[in-house]
Amino acid sequence: MIVGVGRIAGGLMPKVADFGPYRLFFYSNERGEPPHVHVERDGNVAKYWLRPVGLASNDGFAARELRELQRVVVEHERQCEERWHEFFG
């Protein structure tokens, strides 16, 4: 089950989970991309591919925090991928 859905211009942002100050989500217009998740905190956003888990892009997070975020994404990889397929079918 998708935890929540936010709105952006031209689409939705299905939220996968919150942990501490972080929010895991993806954009509804990303169907053509491989499964991935975005992690956001205070305007910083990183994108992680899910298979295998790896950093795709970063806007604002420090390297140390990115390593911690990757660990969290690995721990929630199955949940993130299930949400992705649940939403996109």
PDB file of N, CA and C in Angstrom:
ATOM      1  N   MET A   1       0.841  -1.175   0.000  1.00  0.00           N
ATOM      2  CA  MET A   1       0.000   0.000   0.000  1.00  0.00           C
ATOM      3  C   MET A   1       0.885   1.237   0.000  1.00  0.00           C
ATOM      4  N   ILE A   2       0.547   2.217  -0.839  1.00  0.00           N
ATOM      5  CA  ILE A   2       1.252   3.488  -0.873  1.00  0.00           C
ATOM      6  C   ILE A   2       0.923   4.236   0.412  1.00  0.00           C
ATOM      7  N   VAL A   3       1.935   4.792   1.064  1.00  0.00           N
ATOM      8  CA  VAL A   3       1.742   5.473   2.343  1.00  0.00           C
ATOM      9  C   VAL A   3       0.980   6.774   2.160  1.00  0.00           C
ATOM     10  N   GLY A   4       1.260   7.505   1.113  1.00  0.00           N
ATOM     11  CA  GLY A   4       0.592   8.777   0.862  1.00  0.00           C
ATOM     12  C   GLY A   4       0.899   9.233  -0.542  1.00  0.00           C
ATOM     13  N   VAL A   5       0.179  10.214  -0.997  1.00  0.00           N
ATOM     14  CA  VAL A   5       0.400  10.751  -2.334  1.00  0.00           C
ATOM     15  C   VAL A   5       0.371  12.261  -2.234  1.00  0.00           C
ATOM     16  N   GLY A   6       1.443  12.899  -2.691  1.00  0.00           N
ATOM     17  CA  GLY A   6       1.483  14.349  -2.778  1.00  0.00           C
ATOM     18  C   GLY A   6       1.288  14.776  -4.215  1.00  0.00           C
ATOM     19  N   ARG A   7       1.143  16.040  -4.454  1.00  0.00           N
ATOM     20  CA  ARG A   7       0.952  16.545  -5.813  1.00  0.00           C
ATOM     21  C   ARG A   7       2.127  17.402  -6.227  1.00  0.00           C
ATOM     22  N   ILE A   8       2.492  17.290  -7.509  1.00  0.00           N
ATOM     23  CA  ILE A   8       3.458  18.172  -8.144  1.00  0.00           C
ATOM     24  C   ILE A   8       2.837  18.636  -9.441  1.00  0.00           C
ATOM     25  N   ALA A   9       3.427  19.625 -10.061  1.00  0.00           N
ATOM     26  CA  ALA A   9       2.914  20.083 -11.354  1.00  0.00           C
ATOM     27  C   ALA A   9       2.942  18.916 -12.330  1.00  0.00           C
ATOM     28  N   GLY A  10       1.800  18.574 -12.882  1.00  0.00           N
ATOM     29  CA  GLY A  10       1.717  17.526 -13.887  1.00  0.00           C
ATOM     30  C   GLY A  10       1.681  16.109 -13.349  1.00  0.00           C
ATOM     31  N   GLY A  11       1.566  15.903 -12.034  1.00  0.00           N
ATOM     32  CA  GLY A  11       1.525  14.528 -11.578  1.00  0.00           C
ATOM     33  C   GLY A  11       1.441  14.381 -10.080  1.00  0.00           C
ATOM     34  N   LEU A  12       1.716  13.151  -9.644  1.00  0.00           N
ATOM     35  CA  LEU A  12       1.637  12.786  -8.236  1.00  0.00           C
ATOM     36  C   LEU A  12       3.002  12.352  -7.735  1.00  0.00           C
ATOM     37  N   MET A  13       3.174  12.390  -6.411  1.00  0.00           N
ATOM     38  CA  MET A  13       4.377  11.893  -5.767  1.00  0.00           C
ATOM     39  C   MET A  13       3.963  10.824  -4.761  1.00  0.00           C
ATOM     40  N   PRO A  14       3.868   9.557  -5.183  1.00  0.00           N
ATOM     41  CA  PRO A  14       3.533   8.508  -4.229  1.00  0.00           C
ATOM     42  C   PRO A  14       4.636   8.365  -3.182  1.00  0.00           C
ATOM     43  N   LYS A  15       4.264   8.455  -1.911  1.00  0.00           N
ATOM     44  CA  LYS A  15       5.231   8.342  -0.821  1.00  0.00           C
ATOM     45  C   LYS A  15       5.310   6.889  -0.398  1.00  0.00           C
ATOM     46  N   VAL A  16       6.529   6.384  -0.284  1.00  0.00           N
ATOM     47  CA  VAL A  16       6.751   5.004   0.123  1.00  0.00           C
ATOM     48  C   VAL A  16       6.844   4.916   1.635  1.00  0.00           C
ATOM     49  N   ALA A  17       7.628   5.806   2.248  1.00  0.00           N
ATOM     50  CA  ALA A  17       7.824   5.740   3.696  1.00  0.00           C
ATOM     51  C   ALA A  17       8.456   7.027   4.196  1.00  0.00           C
ATOM     52  N   ASP A  18       8.334   7.235   5.486  1.00  0.00           N
ATOM     53  CA  ASP A  18       9.051   8.282   6.200  1.00  0.00           C
ATOM     54  C   ASP A  18       9.941   7.584   7.215  1.00  0.00           C
ATOM     55  N   PHE A  19      11.144   8.097   7.394  1.00  0.00           N
ATOM     56  CA  PHE A  19      11.982   7.621   8.484  1.00  0.00           C
ATOM     57  C   PHE A  19      12.773   8.813   8.984  1.00  0.00           C
ATOM     58  N   GLY A  20      12.593   9.124  10.264  1.00  0.00           N
ATOM     59  CA  GLY A  20      13.216  10.325  10.822  1.00  0.00           C
ATOM     60  C   GLY A  20      12.808  11.534   9.991  1.00  0.00           C
ATOM     61  N   PRO A  21      13.776  12.362   9.623  1.00  0.00           N
ATOM     62  CA  PRO A  21      13.458  13.560   8.838  1.00  0.00           C
ATOM     63  C   PRO A  21      13.365  13.296   7.334  1.00  0.00           C
ATOM     64  N   TYR A  22      13.501  12.046   6.914  1.00  0.00           N
ATOM     65  CA  TYR A  22      13.562  11.699   5.493  1.00  0.00           C
ATOM     66  C   TYR A  22      12.233  11.182   4.975  1.00  0.00           C
ATOM     67  N   ARG A  23      12.017  11.419   3.689  1.00  0.00           N
ATOM     68  CA  ARG A  23      10.815  10.932   3.001  1.00  0.00           C
ATOM     69  C   ARG A  23      11.271  10.167   1.768  1.00  0.00           C
ATOM     70  N   LEU A  24      10.794   8.944   1.586  1.00  0.00           N
ATOM     71  CA  LEU A  24      11.074   8.145   0.398  1.00  0.00           C
ATOM     72  C   LEU A  24       9.859   8.209  -0.505  1.00  0.00           C
ATOM     73  N   PHE A  25      10.076   8.514  -1.772  1.00  0.00           N
ATOM     74  CA  PHE A  25       8.968   8.666  -2.705  1.00  0.00           C
ATOM     75  C   PHE A  25       9.468   8.459  -4.126  1.00  0.00           C
ATOM     76  N   PHE A  26       8.529   8.419  -5.061  1.00  0.00           N
ATOM     77  CA  PHE A  26       8.859   8.461  -6.488  1.00  0.00           C
ATOM     78  C   PHE A  26       7.823   9.330  -7.165  1.00  0.00           C
ATOM     79  N   TYR A  27       8.081   9.683  -8.395  1.00  0.00           N
ATOM     80  CA  TYR A  27       7.163  10.524  -9.156  1.00  0.00           C
ATOM     81  C   TYR A  27       6.300   9.659 -10.063  1.00  0.00           C
ATOM     82  N   SER A  28       5.042  10.038 -10.207  1.00  0.00           N
ATOM     83  CA  SER A  28       4.107   9.239 -10.998  1.00  0.00           C
ATOM     84  C   SER A  28       4.419   9.241 -12.489  1.00  0.00           C
ATOM     85  N   ASN A  29       5.256  10.176 -12.937  1.00  0.00           N
ATOM     86  CA  ASN A  29       5.579  10.254 -14.368  1.00  0.00           C
ATOM     87  C   ASN A  29       6.883   9.523 -14.693  1.00  0.00           C
ATOM     88  N   GLU A  30       7.356   8.631 -13.812  1.00  0.00           N
ATOM     89  CA  GLU A  30       8.628   7.945 -14.026  1.00  0.00           C
ATOM     90  C   GLU A  30       8.467   6.484 -14.441  1.00  0.00           C
ATOM     91  N   ARG A  31       7.332   6.147 -14.990  1.00  0.00           N
ATOM     92  CA  ARG A  31       7.039   4.768 -15.391  1.00  0.00           C
ATOM     93  C   ARG A  31       8.105   4.196 -16.326  1.00  0.00           C
ATOM     94  N   GLY A  32       8.665   4.984 -17.202  1.00  0.00           N
ATOM     95  CA  GLY A  32       9.623   4.487 -18.180  1.00  0.00           C
ATOM     96  C   GLY A  32      11.014   4.232 -17.624  1.00  0.00           C
ATOM     97  N   GLU A  33      11.258   4.569 -16.379  1.00  0.00           N
ATOM     98  CA  GLU A  33      12.575   4.361 -15.775  1.00  0.00           C
ATOM     99  C   GLU A  33      12.581   3.063 -14.974  1.00  0.00           C
ATOM    100  N   PRO A  34      13.785   2.521 -14.733  1.00  0.00           N
ATOM    101  CA  PRO A  34      13.863   1.355 -13.847  1.00  0.00           C
ATOM    102  C   PRO A  34      13.389   1.742 -12.440  1.00  0.00           C
ATOM    103  N   PRO A  35      12.943   0.765 -11.640  1.00  0.00           N
ATOM    104  CA  PRO A  35      12.491   1.076 -10.283  1.00  0.00           C
ATOM    105  C   PRO A  35      13.562   1.808  -9.484  1.00  0.00           C
ATOM    106  N   HIS A  36      13.130   2.851  -8.811  1.00  0.00           N
ATOM    107  CA  HIS A  36      14.030   3.664  -7.993  1.00  0.00           C
ATOM    108  C   HIS A  36      13.209   4.416  -6.961  1.00  0.00           C
ATOM    109  N   VAL A  37      13.902   5.078  -6.059  1.00  0.00           N
ATOM    110  CA  VAL A  37      13.250   5.867  -5.030  1.00  0.00           C
ATOM    111  C   VAL A  37      14.045   7.155  -4.842  1.00  0.00           C
ATOM    112  N   HIS A  38      13.324   8.223  -4.536  1.00  0.00           N
ATOM    113  CA  HIS A  38      13.949   9.496  -4.184  1.00  0.00           C
ATOM    114  C   HIS A  38      13.893   9.617  -2.665  1.00  0.00           C
ATOM    115  N   VAL A  39      14.925  10.214  -2.090  1.00  0.00           N
ATOM    116  CA  VAL A  39      14.965  10.477  -0.650  1.00  0.00           C
ATOM    117  C   VAL A  39      15.119  11.986  -0.494  1.00  0.00           C
ATOM    118  N   GLU A  40      14.239  12.592   0.316  1.00  0.00           N
ATOM    119  CA  GLU A  40      14.227  14.051   0.474  1.00  0.00           C
ATOM    120  C   GLU A  40      14.308  14.429   1.938  1.00  0.00           C
ATOM    121  N   ARG A  41      15.065  15.491   2.209  1.00  0.00           N
ATOM    122  CA  ARG A  41      15.114  16.110   3.528  1.00  0.00           C
ATOM    123  C   ARG A  41      15.522  17.563   3.361  1.00  0.00           C
ATOM    124  N   ASP A  42      14.713  18.460   3.864  1.00  0.00           N
ATOM    125  CA  ASP A  42      15.045  19.893   3.879  1.00  0.00           C
ATOM    126  C   ASP A  42      15.488  20.415   2.513  1.00  0.00           C
ATOM    127  N   GLY A  43      14.835  19.979   1.455  1.00  0.00           N
ATOM    128  CA  GLY A  43      15.164  20.457   0.119  1.00  0.00           C
ATOM    129  C   GLY A  43      16.293  19.708  -0.565  1.00  0.00           C
ATOM    130  N   ASN A  44      16.992  18.831   0.142  1.00  0.00           N
ATOM    131  CA  ASN A  44      18.010  17.976  -0.466  1.00  0.00           C
ATOM    132  C   ASN A  44      17.317  16.733  -0.999  1.00  0.00           C
ATOM    133  N   VAL A  45      17.728  16.286  -2.184  1.00  0.00           N
ATOM    134  CA  VAL A  45      17.094  15.111  -2.789  1.00  0.00           C
ATOM    135  C   VAL A  45      18.160  14.226  -3.417  1.00  0.00           C
ATOM    136  N   ALA A  46      18.077  12.931  -3.133  1.00  0.00           N
ATOM    137  CA  ALA A  46      18.935  11.940  -3.777  1.00  0.00           C
ATOM    138  C   ALA A  46      18.032  10.898  -4.422  1.00  0.00           C
ATOM    139  N   LYS A  47      18.532  10.292  -5.480  1.00  0.00           N
ATOM    140  CA  LYS A  47      17.790   9.256  -6.194  1.00  0.00           C
ATOM    141  C   LYS A  47      18.623   7.980  -6.174  1.00  0.00           C
ATOM    142  N   TYR A  48      17.984   6.872  -5.791  1.00  0.00           N
ATOM    143  CA  TYR A  48      18.662   5.579  -5.727  1.00  0.00           C
ATOM    144  C   TYR A  48      17.948   4.571  -6.609  1.00  0.00           C
ATOM    145  N   TRP A  49      18.715   3.916  -7.487  1.00  0.00           N
ATOM    146  CA  TRP A  49      18.187   2.768  -8.223  1.00  0.00           C
ATOM    147  C   TRP A  49      17.967   1.654  -7.216  1.00  0.00           C
ATOM    148  N   LEU A  50      17.037   0.749  -7.501  1.00  0.00           N
ATOM    149  CA  LEU A  50      16.722  -0.320  -6.559  1.00  0.00           C
ATOM    150  C   LEU A  50      17.350  -1.657  -6.903  1.00  0.00           C
ATOM    151  N   ARG A  51      17.680  -1.926  -8.150  1.00  0.00           N
ATOM    152  CA  ARG A  51      18.231  -3.232  -8.540  1.00  0.00           C
ATOM    153  C   ARG A  51      19.430  -3.076  -9.441  1.00  0.00           C
ATOM    154  N   PRO A  52      20.617  -3.132  -8.942  1.00  0.00           N
ATOM    155  CA  PRO A  52      20.975  -3.145  -7.529  1.00  0.00           C
ATOM    156  C   PRO A  52      20.873  -1.739  -6.951  1.00  0.00           C
ATOM    157  N   VAL A  53      20.822  -1.646  -5.634  1.00  0.00           N
ATOM    158  CA  VAL A  53      20.745  -0.326  -5.002  1.00  0.00           C
ATOM    159  C   VAL A  53      22.029   0.431  -5.285  1.00  0.00           C
ATOM    160  N   GLY A  54      21.865   1.626  -5.815  1.00  0.00           N
ATOM    161  CA  GLY A  54      23.006   2.479  -6.120  1.00  0.00           C
ATOM    162  C   GLY A  54      22.549   3.906  -6.322  1.00  0.00           C
ATOM    163  N   LEU A  55      23.411   4.832  -6.008  1.00  0.00           N
ATOM    164  CA  LEU A  55      23.097   6.247  -6.142  1.00  0.00           C
ATOM    165  C   LEU A  55      23.005   6.631  -7.614  1.00  0.00           C
ATOM    166  N   ALA A  56      21.895   7.227  -8.004  1.00  0.00           N
ATOM    167  CA  ALA A  56      21.694   7.702  -9.378  1.00  0.00           C
ATOM    168  C   ALA A  56      21.986   9.189  -9.480  1.00  0.00           C
ATOM    169  N   SER A  57      21.584   9.981  -8.473  1.00  0.00           N
ATOM    170  CA  SER A  57      21.835  11.422  -8.493  1.00  0.00           C
ATOM    171  C   SER A  57      21.719  11.976  -7.079  1.00  0.00           C
ATOM    172  N   ASN A  58      22.304  13.141  -6.901  1.00  0.00           N
ATOM    173  CA  ASN A  58      22.293  13.787  -5.599  1.00  0.00           C
ATOM    174  C   ASN A  58      22.221  15.287  -5.786  1.00  0.00           C
ATOM    175  N   ASP A  59      21.402  15.926  -4.986  1.00  0.00           N
ATOM    176  CA  ASP A  59      21.317  17.381  -4.985  1.00  0.00           C
ATOM    177  C   ASP A  59      21.290  17.865  -3.543  1.00  0.00           C
ATOM    178  N   GLY A  60      22.472  18.010  -2.950  1.00  0.00           N
ATOM    179  CA  GLY A  60      22.574  18.637  -1.650  1.00  0.00           C
ATOM    180  C   GLY A  60      23.061  17.806  -0.491  1.00  0.00           C
ATOM    181  N   PHE A  61      22.994  16.491  -0.564  1.00  0.00           N
ATOM    182  CA  PHE A  61      23.439  15.674   0.559  1.00  0.00           C
ATOM    183  C   PHE A  61      24.959  15.528   0.557  1.00  0.00           C
ATOM    184  N   ALA A  62      25.549  15.480   1.740  1.00  0.00           N
ATOM    185  CA  ALA A  62      26.985  15.228   1.891  1.00  0.00           C
ATOM    186  C   ALA A  62      27.255  13.739   1.697  1.00  0.00           C
ATOM    187  N   ALA A  63      28.493  13.397   1.331  1.00  0.00           N
ATOM    188  CA  ALA A  63      28.867  12.007   1.050  1.00  0.00           C
ATOM    189  C   ALA A  63      28.568  11.089   2.228  1.00  0.00           C
ATOM    190  N   ARG A  64      28.841  11.524   3.434  1.00  0.00           N
ATOM    191  CA  ARG A  64      28.596  10.695   4.622  1.00  0.00           C
ATOM    192  C   ARG A  64      27.105  10.368   4.755  1.00  0.00           C
ATOM    193  N   GLU A  65      26.265  11.361   4.552  1.00  0.00           N
ATOM    194  CA  GLU A  65      24.824  11.153   4.659  1.00  0.00           C
ATOM    195  C   GLU A  65      24.325  10.248   3.534  1.00  0.00           C
ATOM    196  N   LEU A  66      24.901  10.377   2.337  1.00  0.00           N
ATOM    197  CA  LEU A  66      24.509   9.522   1.214  1.00  0.00           C
ATOM    198  C   LEU A  66      24.778   8.055   1.518  1.00  0.00           C
ATOM    199  N   ARG A  67      25.887   7.766   2.189  1.00  0.00           N
ATOM    200  CA  ARG A  67      26.176   6.372   2.554  1.00  0.00           C
ATOM    201  C   ARG A  67      25.131   5.841   3.524  1.00  0.00           C
ATOM    202  N   GLU A  68      24.725   6.660   4.484  1.00  0.00           N
ATOM    203  CA  GLU A  68      23.683   6.252   5.435  1.00  0.00           C
ATOM    204  C   GLU A  68      22.341   6.059   4.724  1.00  0.00           C
ATOM    205  N   LEU A  69      22.036   6.964   3.809  1.00  0.00           N
ATOM    206  CA  LEU A  69      20.781   6.847   3.058  1.00  0.00           C
ATOM    207  C   LEU A  69      20.774   5.579   2.216  1.00  0.00           C
ATOM    208  N   GLN A  70      21.903   5.245   1.611  1.00  0.00           N
ATOM    209  CA  GLN A  70      21.964   4.028   0.809  1.00  0.00           C
ATOM    210  C   GLN A  70      21.723   2.806   1.695  1.00  0.00           C
ATOM    211  N   ARG A  71      22.262   2.815   2.900  1.00  0.00           N
ATOM    212  CA  ARG A  71      22.032   1.716   3.828  1.00  0.00           C
ATOM    213  C   ARG A  71      20.536   1.575   4.121  1.00  0.00           C
ATOM    214  N   VAL A  72      19.861   2.698   4.319  1.00  0.00           N
ATOM    215  CA  VAL A  72      18.425   2.685   4.602  1.00  0.00           C
ATOM    216  C   VAL A  72      17.647   2.178   3.394  1.00  0.00           C
ATOM    217  N   VAL A  73      18.026   2.619   2.198  1.00  0.00           N
ATOM    218  CA  VAL A  73      17.342   2.154   0.983  1.00  0.00           C
ATOM    219  C   VAL A  73      17.526   0.647   0.833  1.00  0.00           C
ATOM    220  N   VAL A  74      18.736   0.144   1.111  1.00  0.00           N
ATOM    221  CA  VAL A  74      18.968  -1.303   1.050  1.00  0.00           C
ATOM    222  C   VAL A  74      18.029  -2.019   2.020  1.00  0.00           C
ATOM    223  N   GLU A  75      17.889  -1.492   3.239  1.00  0.00           N
ATOM    224  CA  GLU A  75      17.011  -2.108   4.230  1.00  0.00           C
ATOM    225  C   GLU A  75      15.546  -2.106   3.791  1.00  0.00           C
ATOM    226  N   HIS A  76      15.146  -1.110   3.019  1.00  0.00           N
ATOM    227  CA  HIS A  76      13.751  -0.972   2.582  1.00  0.00           C
ATOM    228  C   HIS A  76      13.570  -1.289   1.098  1.00  0.00           C
ATOM    229  N   GLU A  77      14.568  -1.912   0.489  1.00  0.00           N
ATOM    230  CA  GLU A  77      14.539  -2.174  -0.955  1.00  0.00           C
ATOM    231  C   GLU A  77      13.285  -2.930  -1.379  1.00  0.00           C
ATOM    232  N   ARG A  78      12.954  -3.979  -0.668  1.00  0.00           N
ATOM    233  CA  ARG A  78      11.787  -4.791  -1.052  1.00  0.00           C
ATOM    234  C   ARG A  78      10.507  -3.967  -0.972  1.00  0.00           C
ATOM    235  N   GLN A  79      10.326  -3.222   0.110  1.00  0.00           N
ATOM    236  CA  GLN A  79       9.141  -2.379   0.270  1.00  0.00           C
ATOM    237  C   GLN A  79       9.064  -1.333  -0.837  1.00  0.00           C
ATOM    238  N   CYS A  80      10.205  -0.712  -1.159  1.00  0.00           N
ATOM    239  CA  CYS A  80      10.222   0.309  -2.214  1.00  0.00           C
ATOM    240  C   CYS A  80       9.835  -0.291  -3.560  1.00  0.00           C
ATOM    241  N   GLU A  81      10.397  -1.446  -3.861  1.00  0.00           N
ATOM    242  CA  GLU A  81      10.090  -2.076  -5.145  1.00  0.00           C
ATOM    243  C   GLU A  81       8.634  -2.546  -5.203  1.00  0.00           C
ATOM    244  N   GLU A  82       8.114  -3.055  -4.106  1.00  0.00           N
ATOM    245  CA  GLU A  82       6.709  -3.452  -4.077  1.00  0.00           C
ATOM    246  C   GLU A  82       5.806  -2.248  -4.336  1.00  0.00           C
ATOM    247  N   ARG A  83       6.109  -1.129  -3.721  1.00  0.00           N
ATOM    248  CA  ARG A  83       5.302   0.084  -3.913  1.00  0.00           C
ATOM    249  C   ARG A  83       5.377   0.556  -5.355  1.00  0.00           C
ATOM    250  N   TRP A  84       6.576   0.480  -5.923  1.00  0.00           N
ATOM    251  CA  TRP A  84       6.768   0.883  -7.320  1.00  0.00           C
ATOM    252  C   TRP A  84       5.849   0.059  -8.223  1.00  0.00           C
ATOM    253  N   HIS A  85       5.906  -1.255  -8.089  1.00  0.00           N
ATOM    254  CA  HIS A  85       5.109  -2.137  -8.954  1.00  0.00           C
ATOM    255  C   HIS A  85       3.615  -2.034  -8.638  1.00  0.00           C
ATOM    256  N   GLU A  86       3.274  -1.803  -7.380  1.00  0.00           N
ATOM    257  CA  GLU A  86       1.879  -1.592  -7.009  1.00  0.00           C
ATOM    258  C   GLU A  86       1.316  -0.369  -7.718  1.00  0.00           C
ATOM    259  N   PHE A  87       2.109   0.696  -7.769  1.00  0.00           N
ATOM    260  CA  PHE A  87       1.629   1.935  -8.390  1.00  0.00           C
ATOM    261  C   PHE A  87       1.594   1.846  -9.912  1.00  0.00           C
ATOM    262  N   PHE A  88       2.681   1.333 -10.499  1.00  0.00           N
ATOM    263  CA  PHE A  88       2.774   1.312 -11.963  1.00  0.00           C
ATOM    264  C   PHE A  88       2.162   0.062 -12.587  1.00  0.00           C
ATOM    265  N   GLY A  89       1.892  -0.958 -11.783  1.00  0.00           N
ATOM    266  CA  GLY A  89       1.212  -2.142 -12.280  1.00  0.00           C
ATOM    267  C   GLY A  89       2.054  -3.102 -12.990  1.00  0.00           C
TER     268      GLY A  89
END
